[in-house]
Amino acid sequence: MRDEVQPWQWDEATWRGHVGRVRAGDRLVPRRWPTGARVAVALSFDSDHETIPLRDGETRPGRLSQGEYGARAAVPRILRLLADFDVPASFFVPAVSALLHPGEVESYVAAGHEVGVHGWIHERNMLLAPDDELELASRSLHTLERLTGVRPVGIRTPSWDFSDATLRIIGELGLTYDSSLMADDEPYELVENGRPTGIVELPVEWIRDDAPYLTMERYGAPRPYTPPRELLTIWRDEFDAAYAERGLFQLTLHPHVIGHRSRLVVLRELIAHIAGHSGVWFATHAEVAEQARALITRTPADSVSP
């Protein structure tokens, strides 16, 4: 242990190598979004359901029922809400969730929503060997394609974890975008060791995620600390800024978290606020990534520079 080199002892090549392994490249924001819109709105739901306790080896009914609520009660409400506003969304689904609730993922596609990869059992990929991470990601991709009839084009890693092998695996699987990293508010191209990859990043942020505000664990530290209606203020301000900057407003939600009665009110009011603006393009993550990816082959003048 005493012979181990500490970070403060790294030479410049070492710390630059760590920082440069996966980096944000060109910002990819069109001058105008489709239909001439000034802002893109990408709503997403991580349908984790029972996979969180299963991943941790928790097989007792209590926590499993908390996840089951997401599939049983929350998802139907969410789908009705999205239909009320005619808003498409992206659902990132662990393959085990999809196998437990195959009719659910079919209903996503039937309603015009996107289904994206979200791991096998919400595994912690930074604890996996690269071959195991690749095998689980590949198995997840093929399972979702078999159940929905549509091959996913994007991934959100479980817990937004990103191992040293994750970007390579995304490329090997032929996925066109990721939504797990946080280097910008706007879409950007992922760069690996100084080389552009052609893979689009649709960045997430804990600010725009329901779980940090509302998660409850009976025997753990997490406790809901934000009244749901305060989230409306935070997320409305995030959208208003994206609207002013002609960029992207992206939101990450979880059915078992946001789908309770007193919380879904907040999402309804937020969507109503957004829909009350002119020039709003509601889109799936795949659709936003397609617009962003088209800019990679264009001249720098066609995109907005950081």
C-alpha atoms as a PDB file:
ATOM      1  CA  MET A   1       0.000   0.000   0.000  1.00  0.00           C
ATOM      2  CA  ARG A   2       2.882   2.307   0.858  1.00  0.00           C
ATOM      3  CA  ASP A   3       4.412   1.739  -2.588  1.00  0.00           C
ATOM      4  CA  GLU A   4       1.183   2.647  -4.403  1.00  0.00           C
ATOM      5  CA  VAL A   5       1.456   5.868  -6.402  1.00  0.00           C
ATOM      6  CA  GLN A   6      -0.987   8.465  -5.105  1.00  0.00           C
ATOM      7  CA  PRO A   7      -2.882  10.860  -7.413  1.00  0.00           C
ATOM      8  CA  TRP A   8      -0.798  13.800  -6.211  1.00  0.00           C
ATOM      9  CA  GLN A   9       2.283  11.886  -7.399  1.00  0.00           C
ATOM     10  CA  TRP A  10       1.000  11.282 -10.943  1.00  0.00           C
ATOM     11  CA  ASP A  11       2.997  12.829 -13.748  1.00  0.00           C
ATOM     12  CA  GLU A  12       1.198  15.019 -16.262  1.00  0.00           C
ATOM     13  CA  ALA A  13       0.830  12.262 -18.843  1.00  0.00           C
ATOM     14  CA  THR A  14      -0.997  10.109 -16.304  1.00  0.00           C
ATOM     15  CA  TRP A  15      -3.593  12.622 -15.144  1.00  0.00           C
ATOM     16  CA  ARG A  16      -4.117  13.904 -18.672  1.00  0.00           C
ATOM     17  CA  GLY A  17      -4.638  10.321 -19.815  1.00  0.00           C
ATOM     18  CA  HIS A  18      -7.368   9.730 -17.255  1.00  0.00           C
ATOM     19  CA  VAL A  19      -9.159  12.967 -18.094  1.00  0.00           C
ATOM     20  CA  GLY A  20      -8.865  12.454 -21.848  1.00  0.00           C
ATOM     21  CA  ARG A  21     -10.121   8.875 -22.007  1.00  0.00           C
ATOM     22  CA  VAL A  22     -13.746   9.936 -22.587  1.00  0.00           C
ATOM     23  CA  ARG A  23     -14.306  13.601 -23.295  1.00  0.00           C
ATOM     24  CA  ALA A  24     -16.929  15.944 -24.723  1.00  0.00           C
ATOM     25  CA  GLY A  25     -16.344  16.892 -28.346  1.00  0.00           C
ATOM     26  CA  ASP A  26     -18.269  19.328 -30.517  1.00  0.00           C
ATOM     27  CA  ARG A  27     -21.558  20.612 -29.194  1.00  0.00           C
ATOM     28  CA  LEU A  28     -24.300  19.453 -31.577  1.00  0.00           C
ATOM     29  CA  VAL A  29     -27.212  21.888 -31.566  1.00  0.00           C
ATOM     30  CA  PRO A  30     -28.934  22.811 -34.842  1.00  0.00           C
ATOM     31  CA  ARG A  31     -29.769  26.417 -35.537  1.00  0.00           C
ATOM     32  CA  ARG A  32     -33.390  25.299 -35.555  1.00  0.00           C
ATOM     33  CA  TRP A  33     -34.962  22.077 -34.419  1.00  0.00           C
ATOM     34  CA  PRO A  34     -37.510  20.274 -36.654  1.00  0.00           C
ATOM     35  CA  THR A  35     -40.683  22.194 -37.469  1.00  0.00           C
ATOM     36  CA  GLY A  36     -38.684  25.371 -36.888  1.00  0.00           C
ATOM     37  CA  ALA A  37     -38.813  24.883 -33.118  1.00  0.00           C
ATOM     38  CA  ARG A  38     -36.515  26.845 -30.842  1.00  0.00           C
ATOM     39  CA  VAL A  39     -36.239  24.153 -28.142  1.00  0.00           C
ATOM     40  CA  ALA A  40     -36.195  20.354 -28.042  1.00  0.00           C
ATOM     41  CA  VAL A  41     -37.838  18.586 -25.106  1.00  0.00           C
ATOM     42  CA  ALA A  42     -36.808  14.983 -24.416  1.00  0.00           C
ATOM     43  CA  LEU A  43     -38.651  13.264 -21.572  1.00  0.00           C
ATOM     44  CA  SER A  44     -37.375   9.896 -20.388  1.00  0.00           C
ATOM     45  CA  PHE A  45     -38.395   7.228 -17.915  1.00  0.00           C
ATOM     46  CA  ASP A  46     -36.102   4.558 -16.481  1.00  0.00           C
ATOM     47  CA  SER A  47     -38.449   1.617 -15.930  1.00  0.00           C
ATOM     48  CA  ASP A  48     -36.300  -0.108 -13.319  1.00  0.00           C
ATOM     49  CA  HIS A  49     -39.176  -1.733 -11.401  1.00  0.00           C
ATOM     50  CA  GLU A  50     -38.017  -4.825  -9.490  1.00  0.00           C
ATOM     51  CA  THR A  51     -34.447  -4.794 -10.823  1.00  0.00           C
ATOM     52  CA  ILE A  52     -33.011  -2.474  -8.172  1.00  0.00           C
ATOM     53  CA  PRO A  53     -33.632  -4.868  -5.255  1.00  0.00           C
ATOM     54  CA  LEU A  54     -32.871  -7.907  -7.426  1.00  0.00           C
ATOM     55  CA  ARG A  55     -29.497  -6.444  -8.408  1.00  0.00           C
ATOM     56  CA  ASP A  56     -28.641  -6.112  -4.721  1.00  0.00           C
ATOM     57  CA  GLY A  57     -29.786  -9.654  -3.960  1.00  0.00           C
ATOM     58  CA  GLU A  58     -32.862  -8.438  -2.091  1.00  0.00           C
ATOM     59  CA  THR A  59     -35.566 -11.012  -2.745  1.00  0.00           C
ATOM     60  CA  ARG A  60     -38.066 -10.262   0.024  1.00  0.00           C
ATOM     61  CA  PRO A  61     -41.501  -8.964  -0.996  1.00  0.00           C
ATOM     62  CA  GLY A  62     -41.164  -5.481   0.537  1.00  0.00           C
ATOM     63  CA  ARG A  63     -38.719  -3.796  -1.835  1.00  0.00           C
ATOM     64  CA  LEU A  64     -39.888  -5.909  -4.740  1.00  0.00           C
ATOM     65  CA  SER A  65     -43.410  -4.571  -4.239  1.00  0.00           C
ATOM     66  CA  GLN A  66     -42.064  -1.019  -4.295  1.00  0.00           C
ATOM     67  CA  GLY A  67     -40.657  -1.739  -7.746  1.00  0.00           C
ATOM     68  CA  GLU A  68     -43.799  -3.566  -8.835  1.00  0.00           C
ATOM     69  CA  TYR A  69     -45.735  -0.367  -8.140  1.00  0.00           C
ATOM     70  CA  GLY A  70     -43.895   1.239 -11.037  1.00  0.00           C
ATOM     71  CA  ALA A  71     -45.175  -1.354 -13.496  1.00  0.00           C
ATOM     72  CA  ARG A  72     -48.599  -1.957 -11.975  1.00  0.00           C
ATOM     73  CA  ALA A  73     -49.824   1.537 -11.043  1.00  0.00           C
ATOM     74  CA  ALA A  74     -47.408   4.168 -12.322  1.00  0.00           C
ATOM     75  CA  VAL A  75     -46.768   3.206 -15.952  1.00  0.00           C
ATOM     76  CA  PRO A  76     -50.468   3.191 -16.959  1.00  0.00           C
ATOM     77  CA  ARG A  77     -50.856   6.661 -15.425  1.00  0.00           C
ATOM     78  CA  ILE A  78     -47.748   7.923 -17.182  1.00  0.00           C
ATOM     79  CA  LEU A  79     -48.883   6.592 -20.545  1.00  0.00           C
ATOM     80  CA  ARG A  80     -52.274   8.251 -20.118  1.00  0.00           C
ATOM     81  CA  LEU A  81     -50.609  11.537 -19.210  1.00  0.00           C
ATOM     82  CA  LEU A  82     -48.321  11.447 -22.242  1.00  0.00           C
ATOM     83  CA  ALA A  83     -51.312  10.617 -24.452  1.00  0.00           C
ATOM     84  CA  ASP A  84     -53.266  13.555 -23.037  1.00  0.00           C
ATOM     85  CA  PHE A  85     -50.575  15.907 -24.348  1.00  0.00           C
ATOM     86  CA  ASP A  86     -49.623  13.789 -27.392  1.00  0.00           C
ATOM     87  CA  VAL A  87     -46.018  13.758 -26.167  1.00  0.00           C
ATOM     88  CA  PRO A  88     -43.513  11.035 -27.134  1.00  0.00           C
ATOM     89  CA  ALA A  89     -41.002   9.805 -24.563  1.00  0.00           C
ATOM     90  CA  SER A  90     -38.089   7.423 -24.215  1.00  0.00           C
ATOM     91  CA  PHE A  91     -38.271   4.468 -21.844  1.00  0.00           C
ATOM     92  CA  PHE A  92     -34.937   2.961 -20.806  1.00  0.00           C
ATOM     93  CA  VAL A  93     -35.699  -0.551 -19.613  1.00  0.00           C
ATOM     94  CA  PRO A  94     -33.502  -3.171 -17.928  1.00  0.00           C
ATOM     95  CA  ALA A  95     -34.013  -6.405 -19.809  1.00  0.00           C
ATOM     96  CA  VAL A  96     -35.178  -8.217 -16.678  1.00  0.00           C
ATOM     97  CA  SER A  97     -37.896  -5.579 -16.245  1.00  0.00           C
ATOM     98  CA  ALA A  98     -38.956  -6.169 -19.834  1.00  0.00           C
ATOM     99  CA  LEU A  99     -39.066  -9.929 -19.320  1.00  0.00           C
ATOM    100  CA  LEU A 100     -41.131  -9.506 -16.161  1.00  0.00           C
ATOM    101  CA  HIS A 101     -43.535  -7.117 -17.925  1.00  0.00           C
ATOM    102  CA  PRO A 102     -43.452  -7.893 -21.677  1.00  0.00           C
ATOM    103  CA  GLY A 103     -46.830  -6.307 -22.318  1.00  0.00           C
ATOM    104  CA  GLU A 104     -45.532  -3.065 -20.883  1.00  0.00           C
ATOM    105  CA  VAL A 105     -42.658  -2.660 -23.334  1.00  0.00           C
ATOM    106  CA  GLU A 106     -45.003  -3.597 -26.165  1.00  0.00           C
ATOM    107  CA  SER A 107     -47.333  -0.822 -25.032  1.00  0.00           C
ATOM    108  CA  TYR A 108     -44.488   1.692 -25.170  1.00  0.00           C
ATOM    109  CA  VAL A 109     -43.845   0.955 -28.822  1.00  0.00           C
ATOM    110  CA  ALA A 110     -47.551   0.770 -29.661  1.00  0.00           C
ATOM    111  CA  ALA A 111     -47.984   4.295 -28.265  1.00  0.00           C
ATOM    112  CA  GLY A 112     -45.110   5.660 -30.355  1.00  0.00           C
ATOM    113  CA  HIS A 113     -42.508   5.817 -27.605  1.00  0.00           C
ATOM    114  CA  GLU A 114     -38.879   4.732 -27.748  1.00  0.00           C
ATOM    115  CA  VAL A 115     -37.388   1.803 -25.832  1.00  0.00           C
ATOM    116  CA  GLY A 116     -33.691   2.078 -24.986  1.00  0.00           C
ATOM    117  CA  VAL A 117     -31.102  -0.186 -23.361  1.00  0.00           C
ATOM    118  CA  HIS A 118     -30.668   0.114 -19.583  1.00  0.00           C
ATOM    119  CA  GLY A 119     -28.650  -2.923 -18.647  1.00  0.00           C
ATOM    120  CA  TRP A 120     -29.691  -6.483 -17.842  1.00  0.00           C
ATOM    121  CA  ILE A 121     -30.652  -6.303 -14.154  1.00  0.00           C
ATOM    122  CA  HIS A 122     -29.556  -2.723 -13.445  1.00  0.00           C
ATOM    123  CA  GLU A 123     -26.085  -4.109 -12.767  1.00  0.00           C
ATOM    124  CA  ARG A 124     -23.210  -1.933 -11.575  1.00  0.00           C
ATOM    125  CA  ASN A 125     -21.085  -2.030 -14.704  1.00  0.00           C
ATOM    126  CA  MET A 126     -18.020  -0.479 -13.054  1.00  0.00           C
ATOM    127  CA  LEU A 127     -17.725  -3.669 -10.972  1.00  0.00           C
ATOM    128  CA  LEU A 128     -17.812  -5.938 -14.030  1.00  0.00           C
ATOM    129  CA  ALA A 129     -15.042  -7.327 -16.183  1.00  0.00           C
ATOM    130  CA  PRO A 130     -15.215  -5.837 -19.714  1.00  0.00           C
ATOM    131  CA  ASP A 131     -16.306  -9.162 -21.241  1.00  0.00           C
ATOM    132  CA  ASP A 132     -19.130  -9.491 -18.723  1.00  0.00           C
ATOM    133  CA  GLU A 133     -20.269  -5.926 -19.344  1.00  0.00           C
ATOM    134  CA  LEU A 134     -20.300  -6.553 -23.096  1.00  0.00           C
ATOM    135  CA  GLU A 135     -22.194  -9.831 -22.715  1.00  0.00           C
ATOM    136  CA  LEU A 136     -24.896  -8.286 -20.515  1.00  0.00           C
ATOM    137  CA  ALA A 137     -25.291  -5.220 -22.728  1.00  0.00           C
ATOM    138  CA  SER A 138     -25.536  -7.391 -25.840  1.00  0.00           C
ATOM    139  CA  ARG A 139     -28.020  -9.729 -24.196  1.00  0.00           C
ATOM    140  CA  SER A 140     -30.099  -6.743 -23.088  1.00  0.00           C
ATOM    141  CA  LEU A 141     -30.135  -5.240 -26.566  1.00  0.00           C
ATOM    142  CA  HIS A 142     -31.259  -8.462 -28.206  1.00  0.00           C
ATOM    143  CA  THR A 143     -33.902  -9.123 -25.535  1.00  0.00           C
ATOM    144  CA  LEU A 144     -35.497  -5.708 -26.033  1.00  0.00           C
ATOM    145  CA  GLU A 145     -35.411  -6.141 -29.809  1.00  0.00           C
ATOM    146  CA  ARG A 146     -37.101  -9.542 -29.524  1.00  0.00           C
ATOM    147  CA  LEU A 147     -39.823  -8.293 -27.181  1.00  0.00           C
ATOM    148  CA  THR A 148     -40.621  -5.053 -28.998  1.00  0.00           C
ATOM    149  CA  GLY A 149     -39.781  -5.840 -32.610  1.00  0.00           C
ATOM    150  CA  VAL A 150     -37.621  -2.698 -32.728  1.00  0.00           C
ATOM    151  CA  ARG A 151     -33.847  -2.643 -32.317  1.00  0.00           C
ATOM    152  CA  PRO A 152     -32.838   0.016 -29.760  1.00  0.00           C
ATOM    153  CA  VAL A 153     -30.388   2.670 -30.955  1.00  0.00           C
ATOM    154  CA  GLY A 154     -29.523   4.247 -27.611  1.00  0.00           C
ATOM    155  CA  ILE A 155     -28.370   3.329 -24.152  1.00  0.00           C
ATOM    156  CA  ARG A 156     -28.562   4.750 -20.663  1.00  0.00           C
ATOM    157  CA  THR A 157     -26.207   2.846 -18.418  1.00  0.00           C
ATOM    158  CA  PRO A 158     -27.625   1.659 -15.082  1.00  0.00           C
ATOM    159  CA  SER A 159     -27.035   4.327 -12.433  1.00  0.00           C
ATOM    160  CA  TRP A 160     -25.284   6.351 -15.175  1.00  0.00           C
ATOM    161  CA  ASP A 161     -22.106   4.376 -14.412  1.00  0.00           C
ATOM    162  CA  PHE A 162     -19.451   4.449 -17.117  1.00  0.00           C
ATOM    163  CA  SER A 163     -16.593   1.964 -16.925  1.00  0.00           C
ATOM    164  CA  ASP A 164     -13.355   2.130 -18.876  1.00  0.00           C
ATOM    165  CA  ALA A 165     -14.930  -0.266 -21.391  1.00  0.00           C
ATOM    166  CA  THR A 166     -18.415   1.258 -21.730  1.00  0.00           C
ATOM    167  CA  LEU A 167     -17.759   3.538 -24.696  1.00  0.00           C
ATOM    168  CA  ARG A 168     -16.058   0.776 -26.650  1.00  0.00           C
ATOM    169  CA  ILE A 169     -19.006  -1.532 -25.941  1.00  0.00           C
ATOM    170  CA  ILE A 170     -21.498   1.093 -27.130  1.00  0.00           C
ATOM    171  CA  GLY A 171     -19.599   1.276 -30.402  1.00  0.00           C
ATOM    172  CA  GLU A 172     -19.343  -2.495 -30.784  1.00  0.00           C
ATOM    173  CA  LEU A 173     -23.094  -2.850 -30.367  1.00  0.00           C
ATOM    174  CA  GLY A 174     -23.737  -0.278 -33.083  1.00  0.00           C
ATOM    175  CA  LEU A 175     -25.651   2.091 -30.803  1.00  0.00           C
ATOM    176  CA  THR A 176     -25.781   5.671 -32.039  1.00  0.00           C
ATOM    177  CA  TYR A 177     -26.186   7.543 -28.772  1.00  0.00           C
ATOM    178  CA  ASP A 178     -25.650   7.406 -25.035  1.00  0.00           C
ATOM    179  CA  SER A 179     -27.483   9.266 -22.268  1.00  0.00           C
ATOM    180  CA  SER A 180     -25.411   8.738 -19.124  1.00  0.00           C
ATOM    181  CA  LEU A 181     -22.800  11.520 -18.923  1.00  0.00           C
ATOM    182  CA  MET A 182     -22.904  15.133 -17.795  1.00  0.00           C
ATOM    183  CA  ALA A 183     -20.357  17.329 -19.596  1.00  0.00           C
ATOM    184  CA  ASP A 184     -22.872  19.809 -21.065  1.00  0.00           C
ATOM    185  CA  ASP A 185     -26.507  20.832 -21.155  1.00  0.00           C
ATOM    186  CA  GLU A 186     -26.635  20.238 -24.910  1.00  0.00           C
ATOM    187  CA  PRO A 187     -25.942  17.199 -27.111  1.00  0.00           C
ATOM    188  CA  TYR A 188     -22.315  16.601 -27.980  1.00  0.00           C
ATOM    189  CA  GLU A 189     -20.097  14.075 -29.690  1.00  0.00           C
ATOM    190  CA  LEU A 190     -18.177  11.639 -27.512  1.00  0.00           C
ATOM    191  CA  VAL A 191     -14.416  11.715 -27.970  1.00  0.00           C
ATOM    192  CA  GLU A 192     -12.215   8.787 -26.905  1.00  0.00           C
ATOM    193  CA  ASN A 193      -8.533   9.471 -26.299  1.00  0.00           C
ATOM    194  CA  GLY A 194      -8.709  12.504 -28.570  1.00  0.00           C
ATOM    195  CA  ARG A 195     -10.552  10.727 -31.402  1.00  0.00           C
ATOM    196  CA  PRO A 196     -14.186  11.583 -32.280  1.00  0.00           C
ATOM    197  CA  THR A 197     -16.381   8.495 -32.130  1.00  0.00           C
ATOM    198  CA  GLY A 198     -19.501   9.583 -34.026  1.00  0.00           C
ATOM    199  CA  ILE A 199     -21.550   8.629 -30.946  1.00  0.00           C
ATOM    200  CA  VAL A 200     -23.868  11.335 -29.649  1.00  0.00           C
ATOM    201  CA  GLU A 201     -24.199  12.071 -25.945  1.00  0.00           C
ATOM    202  CA  LEU A 202     -27.549  13.373 -24.677  1.00  0.00           C
ATOM    203  CA  PRO A 203     -26.391  14.532 -21.257  1.00  0.00           C
ATOM    204  CA  VAL A 204     -28.247  13.868 -18.045  1.00  0.00           C
ATOM    205  CA  GLU A 205     -27.935  15.638 -14.704  1.00  0.00           C
ATOM    206  CA  TRP A 206     -28.995  14.868 -11.135  1.00  0.00           C
ATOM    207  CA  ILE A 207     -30.795  18.232 -11.095  1.00  0.00           C
ATOM    208  CA  ARG A 208     -33.098  16.919 -13.823  1.00  0.00           C
ATOM    209  CA  ASP A 209     -33.761  13.545 -12.168  1.00  0.00           C
ATOM    210  CA  ASP A 210     -36.575  12.729  -9.755  1.00  0.00           C
ATOM    211  CA  ALA A 211     -34.700  10.101  -7.718  1.00  0.00           C
ATOM    212  CA  PRO A 212     -32.295  12.371  -5.771  1.00  0.00           C
ATOM    213  CA  TYR A 213     -35.211  14.466  -4.531  1.00  0.00           C
ATOM    214  CA  LEU A 214     -37.780  11.758  -3.827  1.00  0.00           C
ATOM    215  CA  THR A 215     -36.053   8.427  -3.141  1.00  0.00           C
ATOM    216  CA  MET A 216     -36.913   6.535   0.037  1.00  0.00           C
ATOM    217  CA  GLU A 217     -34.985   3.593   1.530  1.00  0.00           C
ATOM    218  CA  ARG A 218     -36.316   2.223   4.789  1.00  0.00           C
ATOM    219  CA  TYR A 219     -32.992   0.944   6.116  1.00  0.00           C
ATOM    220  CA  GLY A 220     -30.697   3.262   4.200  1.00  0.00           C
ATOM    221  CA  ALA A 221     -29.772   6.912   4.246  1.00  0.00           C
ATOM    222  CA  PRO A 222     -31.908   8.190   1.334  1.00  0.00           C
ATOM    223  CA  ARG A 223     -35.047  10.022   2.403  1.00  0.00           C
ATOM    224  CA  PRO A 224     -37.303  12.314   0.347  1.00  0.00           C
ATOM    225  CA  TYR A 225     -36.143  15.830   1.139  1.00  0.00           C
ATOM    226  CA  THR A 226     -37.970  17.919  -1.479  1.00  0.00           C
ATOM    227  CA  PRO A 227     -41.721  18.522  -1.515  1.00  0.00           C
ATOM    228  CA  PRO A 228     -42.897  17.448  -4.982  1.00  0.00           C
ATOM    229  CA  ARG A 229     -44.237  20.858  -5.943  1.00  0.00           C
ATOM    230  CA  GLU A 230     -40.789  22.381  -5.409  1.00  0.00           C
ATOM    231  CA  LEU A 231     -39.575  20.209  -8.271  1.00  0.00           C
ATOM    232  CA  LEU A 232     -41.918  22.083 -10.563  1.00  0.00           C
ATOM    233  CA  THR A 233     -40.012  25.297  -9.829  1.00  0.00           C
ATOM    234  CA  ILE A 234     -36.616  23.686 -10.478  1.00  0.00           C
ATOM    235  CA  TRP A 235     -37.586  21.899 -13.678  1.00  0.00           C
ATOM    236  CA  ARG A 236     -39.614  24.833 -14.998  1.00  0.00           C
ATOM    237  CA  ASP A 237     -36.573  27.059 -14.563  1.00  0.00           C
ATOM    238  CA  GLU A 238     -34.420  24.495 -16.363  1.00  0.00           C
ATOM    239  CA  PHE A 239     -36.856  24.417 -19.266  1.00  0.00           C
ATOM    240  CA  ASP A 240     -37.178  28.210 -19.408  1.00  0.00           C
ATOM    241  CA  ALA A 241     -33.391  28.541 -19.664  1.00  0.00           C
ATOM    242  CA  ALA A 242     -33.214  25.898 -22.407  1.00  0.00           C
ATOM    243  CA  TYR A 243     -35.972  27.741 -24.250  1.00  0.00           C
ATOM    244  CA  ALA A 244     -34.090  31.037 -23.995  1.00  0.00           C
ATOM    245  CA  GLU A 245     -30.870  29.393 -25.213  1.00  0.00           C
ATOM    246  CA  ARG A 246     -32.599  27.475 -28.058  1.00  0.00           C
ATOM    247  CA  GLY A 247     -31.220  24.203 -26.771  1.00  0.00           C
ATOM    248  CA  LEU A 248     -32.334  20.917 -25.244  1.00  0.00           C
ATOM    249  CA  PHE A 249     -34.411  20.271 -22.150  1.00  0.00           C
ATOM    250  CA  GLN A 250     -33.896  16.667 -21.042  1.00  0.00           C
ATOM    251  CA  LEU A 251     -35.555  15.058 -18.016  1.00  0.00           C
ATOM    252  CA  THR A 252     -34.982  11.667 -16.346  1.00  0.00           C
ATOM    253  CA  LEU A 253     -37.826  10.114 -14.361  1.00  0.00           C
ATOM    254  CA  HIS A 254     -38.619   6.736 -12.805  1.00  0.00           C
ATOM    255  CA  PRO A 255     -42.149   5.301 -12.810  1.00  0.00           C
ATOM    256  CA  HIS A 256     -41.841   3.941  -9.263  1.00  0.00           C
ATOM    257  CA  VAL A 257     -40.708   7.391  -8.073  1.00  0.00           C
ATOM    258  CA  ILE A 258     -42.648  10.006 -10.071  1.00  0.00           C
ATOM    259  CA  GLY A 259     -45.720   7.843 -10.680  1.00  0.00           C
ATOM    260  CA  HIS A 260     -47.401   8.369  -7.320  1.00  0.00           C
ATOM    261  CA  ARG A 261     -50.550  10.489  -7.305  1.00  0.00           C
ATOM    262  CA  SER A 262     -49.161  13.554  -5.557  1.00  0.00           C
ATOM    263  CA  ARG A 263     -46.032  13.506  -7.694  1.00  0.00           C
ATOM    264  CA  LEU A 264     -47.537  12.964 -11.115  1.00  0.00           C
ATOM    265  CA  VAL A 265     -49.422  16.227 -10.612  1.00  0.00           C
ATOM    266  CA  VAL A 266     -46.054  17.960 -10.875  1.00  0.00           C
ATOM    267  CA  LEU A 267     -45.222  16.299 -14.187  1.00  0.00           C
ATOM    268  CA  ARG A 268     -48.630  17.199 -15.591  1.00  0.00           C
ATOM    269  CA  GLU A 269     -48.159  20.857 -14.637  1.00  0.00           C
ATOM    270  CA  LEU A 270     -44.631  20.873 -16.049  1.00  0.00           C
ATOM    271  CA  ILE A 271     -45.750  19.466 -19.423  1.00  0.00           C
ATOM    272  CA  ALA A 272     -48.608  21.951 -19.496  1.00  0.00           C
ATOM    273  CA  HIS A 273     -46.139  24.777 -18.867  1.00  0.00           C
ATOM    274  CA  ILE A 274     -43.873  23.563 -21.671  1.00  0.00           C
ATOM    275  CA  ALA A 275     -46.741  22.988 -24.098  1.00  0.00           C
ATOM    276  CA  GLY A 276     -47.939  26.522 -23.447  1.00  0.00           C
ATOM    277  CA  HIS A 277     -44.883  27.882 -25.276  1.00  0.00           C
ATOM    278  CA  SER A 278     -44.645  28.228 -29.034  1.00  0.00           C
ATOM    279  CA  GLY A 279     -41.785  26.595 -30.886  1.00  0.00           C
ATOM    280  CA  VAL A 280     -41.470  23.470 -28.735  1.00  0.00           C
ATOM    281  CA  TRP A 281     -40.438  20.163 -30.309  1.00  0.00           C
ATOM    282  CA  PHE A 282     -41.290  17.181 -28.098  1.00  0.00           C
ATOM    283  CA  ALA A 283     -39.135  14.262 -29.236  1.00  0.00           C
ATOM    284  CA  THR A 284     -37.717  10.928 -28.196  1.00  0.00           C
ATOM    285  CA  HIS A 285     -34.053  10.748 -27.309  1.00  0.00           C
ATOM    286  CA  ALA A 286     -33.459   8.838 -30.541  1.00  0.00           C
ATOM    287  CA  GLU A 287     -35.002  11.654 -32.567  1.00  0.00           C
ATOM    288  CA  VAL A 288     -32.911  14.292 -30.806  1.00  0.00           C
ATOM    289  CA  ALA A 289     -29.777  12.199 -31.288  1.00  0.00           C
ATOM    290  CA  GLU A 290     -30.549  11.856 -34.995  1.00  0.00           C
ATOM    291  CA  GLN A 291     -30.722  15.642 -35.364  1.00  0.00           C
ATOM    292  CA  ALA A 292     -27.501  16.045 -33.411  1.00  0.00           C
ATOM    293  CA  ARG A 293     -25.657  13.304 -35.268  1.00  0.00           C
ATOM    294  CA  ALA A 294     -26.456  14.926 -38.613  1.00  0.00           C
ATOM    295  CA  LEU A 295     -24.293  17.875 -37.565  1.00  0.00           C
ATOM    296  CA  ILE A 296     -21.178  15.745 -37.188  1.00  0.00           C
ATOM    297  CA  THR A 297     -20.692  15.646 -40.972  1.00  0.00           C
ATOM    298  CA  ARG A 298     -21.442  19.344 -41.443  1.00  0.00           C
ATOM    299  CA  THR A 299     -19.207  22.369 -41.206  1.00  0.00           C
ATOM    300  CA  PRO A 300     -18.614  23.940 -37.778  1.00  0.00           C
ATOM    301  CA  ALA A 301     -20.682  26.954 -38.859  1.00  0.00           C
ATOM    302  CA  ASP A 302     -23.792  24.776 -38.895  1.00  0.00           C
ATOM    303  CA  SER A 303     -23.556  23.964 -35.178  1.00  0.00           C
ATOM    304  CA  VAL A 304     -23.343  26.011 -32.017  1.00  0.00           C
ATOM    305  CA  SER A 305     -19.862  26.038 -30.507  1.00  0.00           C
ATOM    306  CA  PRO A 306     -19.374  25.866 -26.722  1.00  0.00           C
END
